[in-house]
Amino acid sequence: MKMRTNFLCALTLFISASFGMLHAQDNNVNTEFGVKGGFNMSNLYGSGDDVDDNNILYGFNAGVYATLPISDFVAIQPEVLFTTKGAEFEYNNAFASGSTKFKLNYIEVPLLVRVNITKNFNIHAGGYASYLVSSKVKGDGDISFDQEIDRDDLNKFDAGIAAGVGVDFDPISIGVRYNYGLTTVGKERTVAGTTYTVPDAKNSNLSIYLSYKLN
């Protein structure tokens, strides 16, 4: 089961089923300022690979958001979040067993277009940019370690596309969002005439969030 494929199929089905109600209801979207946070399921994918359910690392996101209307049912929604990403790799062989967690912590700024399909449902899509604030690798099992990674060895900036759906119960909203990274996590370098990138992978993150309107 591919996490990205399942989410995009569900989002397409939701849009198809709901779009016909767009003009049938009074779906005004109002200016909002609030706080939000949630649960992350992150992963890394290589060039040409599908994102799957293996190597998922569980984490969180938290921050603030604003909803700025540009029409009766469309708004621009900027956010500023602290979010965790990365992946967890398990091993089990004749010599040892355990897991290694590759953790990446970002300050992330999504910029989304939000459309209120009905009074209580919205879809949102756009892009995001992130700045890497810390990184570490942690081993659990027969081999245990906890080591910071020099950020200079990784790309400090990440960017990608985002899409999701939300359910609004004023002043609380819940939703799900998928972020698809377009920037390689590792930094390209050349050693002895050979160019390589470690890790040669990009971020993938599925989040479930809860937001609270403050105004």
N, C-alpha and C. Protein backbone atom coordinates (compact mmCIF):
# COMPACT_ATOMS: atom_id res chain seq x y z
N MET A 1 0.85 -1.19 0.00
CA MET A 1 0.00 0.00 0.00
C MET A 1 0.88 1.24 0.00
N LYS A 2 0.68 2.13 -0.94
CA LYS A 2 1.50 3.32 -1.07
C LYS A 2 0.80 4.49 -0.38
N MET A 3 1.50 5.11 0.59
CA MET A 3 0.88 6.16 1.37
C MET A 3 0.48 7.35 0.50
N ARG A 4 1.36 7.77 -0.41
CA ARG A 4 1.05 8.91 -1.25
C ARG A 4 -0.12 8.61 -2.17
N THR A 5 -0.13 7.44 -2.80
CA THR A 5 -1.18 7.08 -3.74
C THR A 5 -2.54 7.02 -3.05
N ASN A 6 -2.58 6.41 -1.88
CA ASN A 6 -3.85 6.30 -1.14
C ASN A 6 -4.40 7.67 -0.78
N PHE A 7 -3.52 8.56 -0.33
CA PHE A 7 -3.99 9.89 0.07
C PHE A 7 -4.52 10.66 -1.13
N LEU A 8 -3.79 10.64 -2.25
CA LEU A 8 -4.21 11.39 -3.43
C LEU A 8 -5.51 10.84 -4.00
N CYS A 9 -5.70 9.53 -3.94
CA CYS A 9 -6.97 8.93 -4.40
C CYS A 9 -8.12 9.38 -3.53
N ALA A 10 -7.91 9.39 -2.22
CA ALA A 10 -8.96 9.82 -1.30
C ALA A 10 -9.29 11.30 -1.50
N LEU A 11 -8.25 12.11 -1.71
CA LEU A 11 -8.47 13.54 -1.93
C LEU A 11 -9.24 13.78 -3.22
N THR A 12 -8.90 13.06 -4.29
CA THR A 12 -9.60 13.21 -5.56
C THR A 12 -11.06 12.81 -5.44
N LEU A 13 -11.34 11.72 -4.72
CA LEU A 13 -12.71 11.27 -4.52
C LEU A 13 -13.50 12.30 -3.73
N PHE A 14 -12.86 12.88 -2.72
CA PHE A 14 -13.55 13.88 -1.90
C PHE A 14 -13.90 15.12 -2.73
N ILE A 15 -12.95 15.58 -3.55
CA ILE A 15 -13.20 16.75 -4.38
C ILE A 15 -14.32 16.48 -5.38
N SER A 16 -14.29 15.31 -6.00
CA SER A 16 -15.29 14.97 -7.00
C SER A 16 -16.68 14.92 -6.39
N ALA A 17 -16.80 14.36 -5.18
CA ALA A 17 -18.10 14.21 -4.54
C ALA A 17 -18.64 15.53 -4.02
N SER A 18 -17.74 16.47 -3.69
CA SER A 18 -18.16 17.70 -3.01
C SER A 18 -18.25 18.91 -3.90
N PHE A 19 -17.60 18.90 -5.05
CA PHE A 19 -17.49 20.11 -5.84
C PHE A 19 -18.83 20.61 -6.34
N GLY A 20 -19.77 19.69 -6.54
CA GLY A 20 -21.08 20.08 -7.02
C GLY A 20 -21.86 20.91 -6.04
N MET A 21 -21.47 20.89 -4.76
CA MET A 21 -22.19 21.64 -3.74
C MET A 21 -21.62 23.04 -3.55
N LEU A 22 -20.59 23.40 -4.31
CA LEU A 22 -19.87 24.64 -4.07
C LEU A 22 -20.76 25.86 -4.19
N HIS A 23 -21.61 25.89 -5.23
CA HIS A 23 -22.45 27.06 -5.45
C HIS A 23 -23.84 26.89 -4.86
N ALA A 24 -24.09 25.76 -4.25
CA ALA A 24 -25.43 25.50 -3.72
C ALA A 24 -25.59 25.98 -2.29
N GLN A 25 -24.49 26.39 -1.65
CA GLN A 25 -24.58 26.78 -0.27
C GLN A 25 -23.85 28.10 -0.06
N ASP A 26 -24.18 28.78 1.02
CA ASP A 26 -23.51 30.02 1.38
C ASP A 26 -22.29 29.66 2.22
N ASN A 27 -21.13 29.65 1.57
CA ASN A 27 -19.93 29.13 2.23
C ASN A 27 -18.89 30.22 2.45
N ASN A 28 -19.28 31.27 3.10
CA ASN A 28 -18.34 32.35 3.36
C ASN A 28 -17.19 31.84 4.22
N VAL A 29 -15.99 32.29 3.88
CA VAL A 29 -14.82 31.98 4.70
C VAL A 29 -14.38 33.27 5.36
N ASN A 30 -14.10 33.22 6.65
CA ASN A 30 -13.79 34.41 7.42
C ASN A 30 -12.31 34.48 7.78
N THR A 31 -11.87 35.69 8.12
CA THR A 31 -10.51 35.88 8.58
C THR A 31 -10.31 35.15 9.91
N GLU A 32 -9.25 34.35 9.98
CA GLU A 32 -8.97 33.58 11.19
C GLU A 32 -7.50 33.69 11.56
N PHE A 33 -7.24 33.67 12.87
CA PHE A 33 -5.90 33.51 13.40
C PHE A 33 -5.97 32.46 14.50
N GLY A 34 -5.02 31.52 14.49
CA GLY A 34 -5.11 30.48 15.50
C GLY A 34 -3.83 29.68 15.67
N VAL A 35 -3.95 28.66 16.49
CA VAL A 35 -2.83 27.76 16.76
C VAL A 35 -3.22 26.37 16.28
N LYS A 36 -2.22 25.54 15.99
CA LYS A 36 -2.50 24.20 15.50
C LYS A 36 -1.37 23.27 15.87
N GLY A 37 -1.67 21.99 15.87
CA GLY A 37 -0.66 20.98 16.14
C GLY A 37 -1.19 19.63 15.74
N GLY A 38 -0.28 18.65 15.62
CA GLY A 38 -0.75 17.35 15.20
C GLY A 38 0.32 16.29 15.20
N PHE A 39 -0.01 15.20 14.53
CA PHE A 39 0.75 13.95 14.54
C PHE A 39 1.31 13.72 13.15
N ASN A 40 2.61 13.43 13.05
CA ASN A 40 3.27 13.21 11.77
C ASN A 40 3.61 11.74 11.54
N MET A 41 3.49 11.32 10.29
CA MET A 41 4.03 10.03 9.83
C MET A 41 4.94 10.36 8.65
N SER A 42 6.25 10.38 8.89
CA SER A 42 7.19 10.83 7.87
C SER A 42 8.01 9.68 7.33
N ASN A 43 8.61 9.93 6.16
CA ASN A 43 9.40 8.92 5.48
C ASN A 43 10.34 9.62 4.53
N LEU A 44 11.25 8.87 3.92
CA LEU A 44 12.14 9.37 2.90
C LEU A 44 11.96 8.51 1.65
N TYR A 45 12.05 9.12 0.49
CA TYR A 45 11.95 8.36 -0.76
C TYR A 45 13.07 8.78 -1.69
N GLY A 46 13.59 7.83 -2.45
CA GLY A 46 14.67 8.09 -3.37
C GLY A 46 14.17 8.49 -4.74
N SER A 47 15.07 8.94 -5.58
CA SER A 47 14.71 9.37 -6.93
C SER A 47 14.10 8.19 -7.70
N GLY A 48 12.91 8.42 -8.27
CA GLY A 48 12.25 7.39 -9.06
C GLY A 48 11.50 6.36 -8.24
N ASP A 49 11.55 6.46 -6.91
CA ASP A 49 10.87 5.48 -6.05
C ASP A 49 9.51 6.00 -5.62
N ASP A 50 8.58 5.07 -5.36
CA ASP A 50 7.30 5.42 -4.75
C ASP A 50 7.47 5.54 -3.25
N VAL A 51 6.66 6.40 -2.65
CA VAL A 51 6.62 6.48 -1.20
C VAL A 51 5.74 5.35 -0.69
N ASP A 52 6.26 4.53 0.23
CA ASP A 52 5.47 3.42 0.75
C ASP A 52 5.35 3.52 2.26
N ASP A 53 4.78 2.48 2.85
CA ASP A 53 4.52 2.50 4.29
C ASP A 53 5.68 1.96 5.11
N ASN A 54 6.78 1.61 4.48
CA ASN A 54 7.95 1.13 5.21
C ASN A 54 8.76 2.31 5.75
N ASN A 55 9.46 2.06 6.85
CA ASN A 55 10.40 3.04 7.41
C ASN A 55 9.74 4.31 7.92
N ILE A 56 8.48 4.23 8.34
CA ILE A 56 7.79 5.41 8.84
C ILE A 56 8.33 5.82 10.21
N LEU A 57 8.58 7.13 10.36
CA LEU A 57 8.99 7.70 11.63
C LEU A 57 7.84 8.56 12.15
N TYR A 58 7.44 8.34 13.39
CA TYR A 58 6.32 9.09 13.98
C TYR A 58 6.85 10.32 14.70
N GLY A 59 6.15 11.43 14.54
CA GLY A 59 6.57 12.68 15.16
C GLY A 59 5.40 13.63 15.34
N PHE A 60 5.66 14.93 15.30
CA PHE A 60 4.61 15.90 15.57
C PHE A 60 4.87 17.20 14.82
N ASN A 61 3.86 18.06 14.81
CA ASN A 61 3.97 19.42 14.29
C ASN A 61 3.18 20.36 15.17
N ALA A 62 3.62 21.62 15.26
CA ALA A 62 2.93 22.61 16.09
C ALA A 62 3.28 24.00 15.59
N GLY A 63 2.30 24.92 15.65
CA GLY A 63 2.59 26.28 15.21
C GLY A 63 1.35 27.15 15.16
N VAL A 64 1.38 28.15 14.29
CA VAL A 64 0.30 29.14 14.16
C VAL A 64 -0.13 29.23 12.70
N TYR A 65 -1.34 29.75 12.48
CA TYR A 65 -1.84 29.88 11.12
C TYR A 65 -2.72 31.12 11.03
N ALA A 66 -2.95 31.58 9.79
CA ALA A 66 -3.90 32.66 9.50
C ALA A 66 -4.68 32.27 8.26
N THR A 67 -5.96 32.62 8.22
CA THR A 67 -6.79 32.42 7.05
C THR A 67 -7.24 33.79 6.56
N LEU A 68 -6.86 34.15 5.34
CA LEU A 68 -7.08 35.48 4.79
C LEU A 68 -7.96 35.37 3.55
N PRO A 69 -9.26 35.71 3.65
CA PRO A 69 -10.19 35.51 2.52
C PRO A 69 -9.83 36.38 1.32
N ILE A 70 -10.03 35.81 0.11
CA ILE A 70 -9.92 36.59 -1.12
C ILE A 70 -11.23 36.53 -1.91
N SER A 71 -12.17 35.72 -1.45
CA SER A 71 -13.53 35.69 -2.01
C SER A 71 -14.44 35.06 -0.96
N ASP A 72 -15.70 34.81 -1.31
CA ASP A 72 -16.64 34.25 -0.34
C ASP A 72 -16.26 32.86 0.11
N PHE A 73 -15.55 32.10 -0.71
CA PHE A 73 -15.24 30.72 -0.33
C PHE A 73 -13.78 30.34 -0.55
N VAL A 74 -12.93 31.30 -0.92
CA VAL A 74 -11.51 31.04 -1.15
C VAL A 74 -10.67 31.93 -0.26
N ALA A 75 -9.61 31.36 0.31
CA ALA A 75 -8.72 32.13 1.19
C ALA A 75 -7.28 31.68 0.98
N ILE A 76 -6.37 32.57 1.33
CA ILE A 76 -4.95 32.23 1.41
C ILE A 76 -4.65 31.88 2.86
N GLN A 77 -3.96 30.77 3.09
CA GLN A 77 -3.67 30.33 4.45
C GLN A 77 -2.16 30.13 4.64
N PRO A 78 -1.47 31.14 5.20
CA PRO A 78 -0.07 30.95 5.57
C PRO A 78 0.04 30.34 6.96
N GLU A 79 1.11 29.58 7.20
CA GLU A 79 1.34 28.96 8.49
C GLU A 79 2.83 29.03 8.83
N VAL A 80 3.14 28.95 10.10
CA VAL A 80 4.52 28.80 10.57
C VAL A 80 4.51 27.65 11.58
N LEU A 81 5.26 26.58 11.28
CA LEU A 81 5.20 25.37 12.07
C LEU A 81 6.59 24.89 12.46
N PHE A 82 6.68 24.25 13.61
CA PHE A 82 7.81 23.39 13.93
C PHE A 82 7.37 21.98 13.61
N THR A 83 8.13 21.25 12.78
CA THR A 83 7.70 19.93 12.37
C THR A 83 8.87 18.96 12.32
N THR A 84 8.59 17.72 12.65
CA THR A 84 9.61 16.67 12.63
C THR A 84 9.43 15.82 11.39
N LYS A 85 10.56 15.41 10.80
CA LYS A 85 10.53 14.53 9.62
C LYS A 85 11.67 13.52 9.75
N GLY A 86 11.82 12.69 8.73
CA GLY A 86 12.87 11.69 8.75
C GLY A 86 12.33 10.31 8.44
N ALA A 87 13.02 9.28 8.95
CA ALA A 87 12.61 7.90 8.69
C ALA A 87 13.22 6.99 9.74
N GLU A 88 12.62 5.81 9.91
CA GLU A 88 13.14 4.80 10.84
C GLU A 88 13.43 3.52 10.05
N PHE A 89 14.64 3.00 10.22
CA PHE A 89 15.07 1.81 9.50
C PHE A 89 15.32 0.67 10.49
N GLU A 90 14.68 -0.47 10.25
CA GLU A 90 14.84 -1.63 11.12
C GLU A 90 15.79 -2.64 10.49
N TYR A 91 16.53 -3.33 11.34
CA TYR A 91 17.44 -4.36 10.85
C TYR A 91 17.36 -5.57 11.77
N ASN A 92 17.58 -6.75 11.18
CA ASN A 92 17.55 -7.99 11.95
C ASN A 92 18.38 -9.03 11.17
N ASN A 93 19.58 -9.27 11.64
CA ASN A 93 20.45 -10.22 10.96
C ASN A 93 21.15 -11.10 11.98
N ALA A 94 22.12 -11.86 11.53
CA ALA A 94 22.79 -12.81 12.42
C ALA A 94 23.65 -12.12 13.46
N PHE A 95 23.97 -10.86 13.25
CA PHE A 95 24.87 -10.16 14.15
C PHE A 95 24.14 -9.23 15.14
N ALA A 96 23.02 -8.64 14.72
CA ALA A 96 22.33 -7.68 15.59
C ALA A 96 20.93 -7.42 15.06
N SER A 97 20.09 -6.88 15.93
CA SER A 97 18.74 -6.44 15.53
C SER A 97 18.41 -5.15 16.26
N GLY A 98 17.57 -4.36 15.65
CA GLY A 98 17.18 -3.10 16.26
C GLY A 98 16.68 -2.14 15.20
N SER A 99 16.77 -0.85 15.48
CA SER A 99 16.30 0.17 14.55
C SER A 99 17.18 1.40 14.66
N THR A 100 17.20 2.15 13.57
CA THR A 100 17.92 3.42 13.53
C THR A 100 16.96 4.50 13.08
N LYS A 101 16.84 5.57 13.87
CA LYS A 101 15.96 6.68 13.55
C LYS A 101 16.78 7.86 13.03
N PHE A 102 16.44 8.31 11.84
CA PHE A 102 17.07 9.47 11.22
C PHE A 102 16.09 10.63 11.38
N LYS A 103 16.39 11.57 12.31
CA LYS A 103 15.45 12.61 12.69
C LYS A 103 15.87 13.97 12.15
N LEU A 104 14.91 14.65 11.54
CA LEU A 104 15.12 15.99 10.99
C LEU A 104 14.06 16.92 11.56
N ASN A 105 14.47 18.03 12.13
CA ASN A 105 13.55 19.01 12.71
C ASN A 105 13.61 20.30 11.90
N TYR A 106 12.45 20.77 11.46
CA TYR A 106 12.37 21.93 10.58
C TYR A 106 11.46 23.02 11.16
N ILE A 107 11.76 24.28 10.80
CA ILE A 107 10.79 25.36 10.85
C ILE A 107 10.20 25.45 9.45
N GLU A 108 8.89 25.24 9.35
CA GLU A 108 8.25 25.10 8.03
C GLU A 108 7.22 26.21 7.83
N VAL A 109 7.18 26.75 6.61
CA VAL A 109 6.23 27.80 6.25
C VAL A 109 5.41 27.35 5.05
N PRO A 110 4.24 26.75 5.27
CA PRO A 110 3.35 26.43 4.16
C PRO A 110 2.60 27.69 3.71
N LEU A 111 2.34 27.79 2.41
CA LEU A 111 1.48 28.84 1.85
C LEU A 111 0.45 28.14 0.99
N LEU A 112 -0.81 28.15 1.45
CA LEU A 112 -1.85 27.31 0.87
C LEU A 112 -3.02 28.14 0.35
N VAL A 113 -3.69 27.60 -0.65
CA VAL A 113 -4.98 28.12 -1.08
C VAL A 113 -6.05 27.22 -0.49
N ARG A 114 -6.94 27.82 0.29
CA ARG A 114 -8.00 27.05 0.97
C ARG A 114 -9.34 27.34 0.30
N VAL A 115 -10.08 26.28 -0.02
CA VAL A 115 -11.40 26.42 -0.64
C VAL A 115 -12.43 25.74 0.26
N ASN A 116 -13.44 26.50 0.69
CA ASN A 116 -14.52 25.93 1.48
C ASN A 116 -15.55 25.31 0.53
N ILE A 117 -15.50 23.99 0.41
CA ILE A 117 -16.42 23.26 -0.47
C ILE A 117 -17.85 23.33 0.08
N THR A 118 -17.99 23.10 1.38
CA THR A 118 -19.26 23.26 2.08
C THR A 118 -18.99 24.10 3.32
N LYS A 119 -20.02 24.29 4.12
CA LYS A 119 -19.86 25.13 5.31
C LYS A 119 -18.82 24.56 6.26
N ASN A 120 -18.72 23.24 6.34
CA ASN A 120 -17.84 22.62 7.32
C ASN A 120 -16.67 21.85 6.73
N PHE A 121 -16.55 21.84 5.39
CA PHE A 121 -15.46 21.09 4.77
C PHE A 121 -14.62 22.02 3.89
N ASN A 122 -13.32 21.83 3.95
CA ASN A 122 -12.45 22.59 3.06
C ASN A 122 -11.38 21.69 2.48
N ILE A 123 -10.88 22.08 1.31
CA ILE A 123 -9.68 21.48 0.75
C ILE A 123 -8.63 22.57 0.65
N HIS A 124 -7.37 22.20 0.74
CA HIS A 124 -6.30 23.19 0.64
C HIS A 124 -5.10 22.57 -0.06
N ALA A 125 -4.40 23.41 -0.82
CA ALA A 125 -3.23 22.94 -1.56
C ALA A 125 -2.30 24.11 -1.80
N GLY A 126 -1.03 23.80 -1.97
CA GLY A 126 -0.05 24.84 -2.21
C GLY A 126 1.36 24.29 -2.07
N GLY A 127 2.25 25.11 -1.55
CA GLY A 127 3.63 24.70 -1.38
C GLY A 127 4.13 25.03 0.01
N TYR A 128 5.32 24.54 0.31
CA TYR A 128 5.93 24.85 1.60
C TYR A 128 7.44 25.02 1.42
N ALA A 129 8.02 25.77 2.33
CA ALA A 129 9.48 25.92 2.41
C ALA A 129 9.88 25.68 3.86
N SER A 130 10.99 24.99 4.07
CA SER A 130 11.42 24.62 5.43
C SER A 130 12.89 24.92 5.63
N TYR A 131 13.23 25.21 6.89
CA TYR A 131 14.63 25.42 7.27
C TYR A 131 15.00 24.41 8.35
N LEU A 132 16.06 23.66 8.12
CA LEU A 132 16.50 22.62 9.04
C LEU A 132 17.15 23.24 10.28
N VAL A 133 16.59 22.98 11.47
CA VAL A 133 17.13 23.56 12.69
C VAL A 133 17.96 22.57 13.50
N SER A 134 17.72 21.26 13.32
CA SER A 134 18.53 20.26 14.01
C SER A 134 18.33 18.91 13.34
N SER A 135 19.30 18.03 13.54
CA SER A 135 19.23 16.68 12.96
C SER A 135 20.04 15.74 13.83
N LYS A 136 19.58 14.50 13.91
CA LYS A 136 20.30 13.52 14.71
C LYS A 136 19.97 12.12 14.21
N VAL A 137 20.79 11.18 14.60
CA VAL A 137 20.54 9.77 14.31
C VAL A 137 20.59 9.02 15.63
N LYS A 138 19.60 8.14 15.86
CA LYS A 138 19.49 7.42 17.13
C LYS A 138 19.29 5.94 16.86
N GLY A 139 20.06 5.11 17.54
CA GLY A 139 19.95 3.67 17.40
C GLY A 139 19.39 3.03 18.65
N ASP A 140 18.45 2.11 18.48
CA ASP A 140 17.86 1.35 19.58
C ASP A 140 17.96 -0.13 19.25
N GLY A 141 18.23 -0.94 20.27
CA GLY A 141 18.35 -2.38 20.06
C GLY A 141 19.69 -2.87 20.54
N ASP A 142 20.26 -3.84 19.81
CA ASP A 142 21.56 -4.37 20.20
C ASP A 142 22.67 -3.33 20.09
N ILE A 143 22.47 -2.37 19.20
CA ILE A 143 23.43 -1.27 19.04
C ILE A 143 22.71 0.02 19.37
N SER A 144 23.12 0.67 20.45
CA SER A 144 22.46 1.89 20.91
C SER A 144 23.40 3.08 20.78
N PHE A 145 22.87 4.19 20.25
CA PHE A 145 23.64 5.42 20.14
C PHE A 145 22.68 6.58 19.94
N ASP A 146 23.16 7.77 20.17
CA ASP A 146 22.36 8.98 20.01
C ASP A 146 23.32 10.10 19.63
N GLN A 147 23.34 10.48 18.36
CA GLN A 147 24.37 11.37 17.86
C GLN A 147 23.78 12.49 17.01
N GLU A 148 24.21 13.72 17.28
CA GLU A 148 23.83 14.86 16.47
C GLU A 148 24.52 14.78 15.11
N ILE A 149 23.83 15.25 14.08
CA ILE A 149 24.40 15.32 12.73
C ILE A 149 24.71 16.77 12.42
N ASP A 150 25.89 17.03 11.91
CA ASP A 150 26.28 18.38 11.51
C ASP A 150 25.36 18.85 10.38
N ARG A 151 24.64 19.94 10.60
CA ARG A 151 23.70 20.43 9.59
C ARG A 151 24.42 20.83 8.30
N ASP A 152 25.71 21.14 8.38
CA ASP A 152 26.45 21.49 7.18
C ASP A 152 26.61 20.30 6.23
N ASP A 153 26.35 19.10 6.73
CA ASP A 153 26.42 17.91 5.88
C ASP A 153 25.10 17.64 5.16
N LEU A 154 24.06 18.43 5.46
CA LEU A 154 22.74 18.26 4.86
C LEU A 154 22.27 19.56 4.23
N ASN A 155 21.28 19.47 3.35
CA ASN A 155 20.65 20.68 2.83
C ASN A 155 19.83 21.33 3.93
N LYS A 156 20.11 22.60 4.22
CA LYS A 156 19.39 23.28 5.29
C LYS A 156 18.00 23.73 4.85
N PHE A 157 17.76 23.76 3.55
CA PHE A 157 16.47 24.20 3.05
C PHE A 157 15.76 23.04 2.33
N ASP A 158 14.46 22.94 2.59
CA ASP A 158 13.62 21.95 1.94
C ASP A 158 12.41 22.67 1.36
N ALA A 159 11.86 22.17 0.28
CA ALA A 159 10.67 22.74 -0.32
C ALA A 159 9.88 21.63 -0.99
N GLY A 160 8.57 21.84 -1.11
CA GLY A 160 7.74 20.83 -1.74
C GLY A 160 6.32 21.31 -1.92
N ILE A 161 5.43 20.38 -2.23
CA ILE A 161 4.02 20.68 -2.43
C ILE A 161 3.20 20.03 -1.32
N ALA A 162 2.04 20.60 -1.06
CA ALA A 162 1.19 20.12 0.03
C ALA A 162 -0.27 20.15 -0.41
N ALA A 163 -1.06 19.20 0.10
CA ALA A 163 -2.50 19.17 -0.17
C ALA A 163 -3.19 18.45 0.97
N GLY A 164 -4.43 18.87 1.27
CA GLY A 164 -5.14 18.23 2.36
C GLY A 164 -6.61 18.59 2.38
N VAL A 165 -7.31 18.04 3.37
CA VAL A 165 -8.72 18.32 3.60
C VAL A 165 -8.91 18.63 5.07
N GLY A 166 -9.95 19.44 5.37
CA GLY A 166 -10.23 19.80 6.74
C GLY A 166 -11.71 19.79 7.04
N VAL A 167 -12.04 19.58 8.30
CA VAL A 167 -13.42 19.62 8.80
C VAL A 167 -13.47 20.69 9.88
N ASP A 168 -14.38 21.65 9.74
CA ASP A 168 -14.44 22.81 10.62
C ASP A 168 -15.62 22.73 11.58
N PHE A 169 -15.31 22.82 12.89
CA PHE A 169 -16.31 22.92 13.94
C PHE A 169 -15.92 24.13 14.79
N ASP A 170 -16.36 25.29 14.36
CA ASP A 170 -15.97 26.55 14.98
C ASP A 170 -16.04 26.47 16.51
N PRO A 171 -14.91 26.71 17.25
CA PRO A 171 -13.62 27.26 16.78
C PRO A 171 -12.55 26.19 16.53
N ILE A 172 -12.93 24.91 16.48
CA ILE A 172 -11.96 23.83 16.31
C ILE A 172 -12.07 23.24 14.91
N SER A 173 -10.94 22.89 14.33
CA SER A 173 -10.91 22.21 13.04
C SER A 173 -9.97 21.01 13.14
N ILE A 174 -10.28 19.98 12.38
CA ILE A 174 -9.39 18.83 12.27
C ILE A 174 -9.15 18.57 10.79
N GLY A 175 -8.03 17.94 10.47
CA GLY A 175 -7.75 17.69 9.07
C GLY A 175 -6.58 16.75 8.87
N VAL A 176 -6.34 16.45 7.60
CA VAL A 176 -5.22 15.61 7.21
C VAL A 176 -4.54 16.28 6.02
N ARG A 177 -3.21 16.20 5.99
CA ARG A 177 -2.43 16.86 4.93
C ARG A 177 -1.24 16.00 4.56
N TYR A 178 -0.91 16.02 3.26
CA TYR A 178 0.26 15.32 2.78
C TYR A 178 1.25 16.30 2.18
N ASN A 179 2.51 16.22 2.61
CA ASN A 179 3.61 17.03 2.07
C ASN A 179 4.54 16.14 1.26
N TYR A 180 4.82 16.57 0.03
CA TYR A 180 5.68 15.81 -0.87
C TYR A 180 6.91 16.66 -1.17
N GLY A 181 8.06 16.25 -0.64
CA GLY A 181 9.28 17.02 -0.78
C GLY A 181 9.86 16.95 -2.18
N LEU A 182 10.42 18.07 -2.63
CA LEU A 182 11.05 18.15 -3.94
C LEU A 182 12.54 18.41 -3.86
N THR A 183 13.07 18.54 -2.65
CA THR A 183 14.48 18.85 -2.45
C THR A 183 15.18 17.68 -1.79
N THR A 184 16.34 17.32 -2.28
CA THR A 184 17.10 16.22 -1.69
C THR A 184 17.61 16.61 -0.31
N VAL A 185 17.44 15.71 0.65
CA VAL A 185 17.86 15.98 2.02
C VAL A 185 19.38 16.10 2.12
N GLY A 186 20.09 15.20 1.46
CA GLY A 186 21.55 15.22 1.50
C GLY A 186 22.13 16.28 0.59
N LYS A 187 23.36 16.66 0.88
CA LYS A 187 24.06 17.67 0.09
C LYS A 187 25.03 16.98 -0.86
N GLU A 188 25.03 17.44 -2.10
CA GLU A 188 25.94 16.86 -3.09
C GLU A 188 27.38 17.28 -2.80
N ARG A 189 28.31 16.33 -2.88
CA ARG A 189 29.71 16.61 -2.64
C ARG A 189 30.58 15.73 -3.53
N THR A 190 31.80 16.17 -3.75
CA THR A 190 32.73 15.44 -4.61
C THR A 190 33.97 15.06 -3.82
N VAL A 191 34.30 13.77 -3.82
CA VAL A 191 35.47 13.25 -3.13
C VAL A 191 36.25 12.40 -4.12
N ALA A 192 37.53 12.73 -4.29
CA ALA A 192 38.42 11.97 -5.18
C ALA A 192 37.83 11.83 -6.58
N GLY A 193 37.21 12.90 -7.05
CA GLY A 193 36.65 12.90 -8.39
C GLY A 193 35.30 12.26 -8.54
N THR A 194 34.75 11.71 -7.45
CA THR A 194 33.44 11.07 -7.48
C THR A 194 32.41 11.94 -6.77
N THR A 195 31.29 12.21 -7.43
CA THR A 195 30.23 13.03 -6.85
C THR A 195 29.12 12.12 -6.31
N TYR A 196 28.70 12.40 -5.08
CA TYR A 196 27.64 11.59 -4.47
C TYR A 196 26.82 12.46 -3.53
N THR A 197 25.64 11.96 -3.17
CA THR A 197 24.74 12.64 -2.26
C THR A 197 24.29 11.66 -1.20
N VAL A 198 24.47 12.02 0.08
CA VAL A 198 24.07 11.16 1.20
C VAL A 198 23.35 12.00 2.25
N PRO A 199 22.07 11.66 2.58
CA PRO A 199 21.25 10.65 1.91
C PRO A 199 20.65 11.20 0.61
N ASP A 200 20.62 10.38 -0.41
CA ASP A 200 20.05 10.76 -1.71
C ASP A 200 18.55 10.45 -1.67
N ALA A 201 17.82 11.26 -0.90
CA ALA A 201 16.39 11.02 -0.67
C ALA A 201 15.70 12.34 -0.37
N LYS A 202 14.37 12.32 -0.48
CA LYS A 202 13.55 13.50 -0.24
C LYS A 202 12.50 13.19 0.83
N ASN A 203 11.97 14.26 1.43
CA ASN A 203 11.01 14.10 2.51
C ASN A 203 9.61 13.77 2.01
N SER A 204 8.92 12.95 2.78
CA SER A 204 7.50 12.65 2.58
C SER A 204 6.86 12.68 3.96
N ASN A 205 5.72 13.37 4.08
CA ASN A 205 5.12 13.50 5.41
C ASN A 205 3.60 13.57 5.34
N LEU A 206 2.93 12.70 6.08
CA LEU A 206 1.48 12.71 6.23
C LEU A 206 1.17 13.16 7.65
N SER A 207 0.35 14.20 7.80
CA SER A 207 0.05 14.73 9.13
C SER A 207 -1.45 14.79 9.38
N ILE A 208 -1.82 14.54 10.62
CA ILE A 208 -3.18 14.73 11.11
C ILE A 208 -3.13 15.85 12.13
N TYR A 209 -3.95 16.88 11.95
CA TYR A 209 -3.80 18.07 12.79
C TYR A 209 -5.12 18.49 13.43
N LEU A 210 -4.97 19.26 14.50
CA LEU A 210 -6.08 19.90 15.19
C LEU A 210 -5.74 21.38 15.32
N SER A 211 -6.66 22.26 14.92
CA SER A 211 -6.41 23.70 15.03
C SER A 211 -7.49 24.36 15.88
N TYR A 212 -7.12 25.50 16.47
CA TYR A 212 -8.05 26.23 17.34
C TYR A 212 -8.02 27.71 16.95
N LYS A 213 -9.17 28.25 16.58
CA LYS A 213 -9.28 29.66 16.17
C LYS A 213 -9.27 30.55 17.41
N LEU A 214 -8.43 31.59 17.39
CA LEU A 214 -8.27 32.47 18.55
C LEU A 214 -9.12 33.74 18.45
N ASN A 215 -9.56 34.14 17.27
CA ASN A 215 -10.32 35.39 17.13
C ASN A 215 -11.83 35.14 17.01
